[in-house]
Amino acid sequence: MSRTSSLVKDSVIYGGSTIASKMMSWLLTVLFTYTLVKNDFGIMTNLYAYAALIIVVLTFGMETGFFRFANQTDKYLPTTVYSTTLIFVSTIVLIFLICFLSFLSFLRVYLWSNEIPEIYIRMVIIILSMDAFSAIPFAYLRYKKRAMKFGMLKVLNVVLYTVFCILFLVVCPQINKYNPSLIKWFWKDDFRLGYVFVANLLATSIEIFCLLPELTGFKYRFNAVLAKEMFHYCFPLAIMGIAGVSNNVVDKLLFPAFYSGNLSIFDELGVYSACFKLALIMLMFTQAFRYAYEPFFFEKSRDKDAKELYADIMKYFVIFGLLVFLGVVFYLDIVKYLIAPEYFGALKIVPIVLWGELFFAVYFNLSVWYKLVDKTYWGAIFSTIAFVVLIVINILFIPIYSYRACAWAGFVGDGFIMFLSYFVGQKYYPIRYDLKSIGFYTCLALVLYVVSCFVPIYNDWFHLMFNTVLISIYLFVVIKREGIPFVKGLV
């Protein structure tokens, strides 16, 4: 019982701190869209998309590899595994950092537009290198079951990043307006996006300083045989990680290369990215579910009624997911003010992105089958298929439909692997999902959404009241069909 309680406590801390950090980062979109021009927001999106992908390459799945081999105490000392992992990742990061910074002028011709100042790229490269390095000490904290320090440092990083961004983007402009002599030694009004990266660099540096106890107090040893084993073990994980992250950022990477419209490339990317962020409310819902569900389905896998339980969870998951969808689209006239009005041009992609995120969430829910039958290579196959679909649609249609192609690519790619995972899963681990109820609620949500779109109500407040009636109808039907337990689930 004590072990279970410890697991629940650690899961709450890890999950809660990670979700809180992501939520705070998401809310920074409000600050960025109101203080940065669209072009700068587009550049920031493009650079951080590269960072997300490169970090996966640099860490090389070594976090999971560390857990795998650190627990083989009959073969290796945990400190030897940790120091070998640290040296391995540090070497990769150092080689990358030296090579990339040395040949940046040559590489940027092929990777980045001339519109992006080189100083921005250099700062992002340093930041992502620090993040990749710190991933191993954070893994060590998890191994040592120091969940509280892990959570506090994750939250501290985002809090510091937020505070520094507010200082540079809100406070400094006001000081510059009324008493510029106080900050003229470091402040430049045309370097606002640069200060976002400075804020990130400062926060990450402080975070790594706080990790010094995890980097000292033991003798560094590099075991070449262990490193070779870890490499072979982690290589497939790295490929899966690269494919998975690419699915989330590939549109932001490809857009500048294939956009052919008359408007500014990064203006368009900035508008798309800001409205895309609004749809990530669905992602927050999915991540909260993931932290609770992943340990749960392994724990219940041996129960006689496990498959019936998984089927019920899927049904209620879709019900809640559709409620999130309706909540965002029905109150988009309010939600949209989380971004500045000049970014409203891409609001029409929000429902499409929401559906894509819901498809991916259902796909994650379906992934229970290949995790339980130890056929995780199917996860890599599905991720690769989605990646190929995204690449093809983006390359073919960005020149024609601009950022709308990016939104539809995610919709099609995630929808395709969702259905594929379902049909393949029924072969290896058949679960009788309540497709009739899932289909009914999906159709109900779509009908209510269509009614909201086509009923001619031009007053915003009356339209919001009408949408409230529609979402009440959805809840009434669900409660009528599912009963009072669903109401208790809401609270």
Foldseek 3Di string as FASTA:
>chain_A
DVVVVLLVVLLCLVLVLVLVLVVLVLLCQLVCQVQDALLLLLVVLLLVLVLQLVLLVLLLQVLVLLVVVCVPVVVDDSLQSLLQSLVSSLVSLVVCLVVCVVCVVVCCVPQHDPVDDPLQNNLSSVLSSLVSSVSSLLSVCVVVSVSVVSSVLSNQLSVQLVVQLCCLRPVLVVCCVPPVVVPVVPDDSVCSSVSSSVSNSVSSVVSVVVSVVSVDDDDRDHDPVSSVVSNVVSNLVSLLSSLQSCLVRVLSRCQVVQADDDDDSSSLSSLLVSLLSLLCVLVSVLSSCCSVVPVVLVVCVPPPCSLVVLQVVLLLLLLVLLLVLLVCLLVVVPSVSSHDPSSCPPNVLSSLLSLLSSLLSLQVSLCSQCVVVVNCVVSSVLSNQLSVQQVVQSNVPCHPPNCSSNSNSSNVSSNVSSVVSQVVSCVRPNHPHPVVSSVVLVVLSVVLSVCLVPDDDDDPVVSSVSSVVSSVVSVVVCCVVVHDVVVVVVD
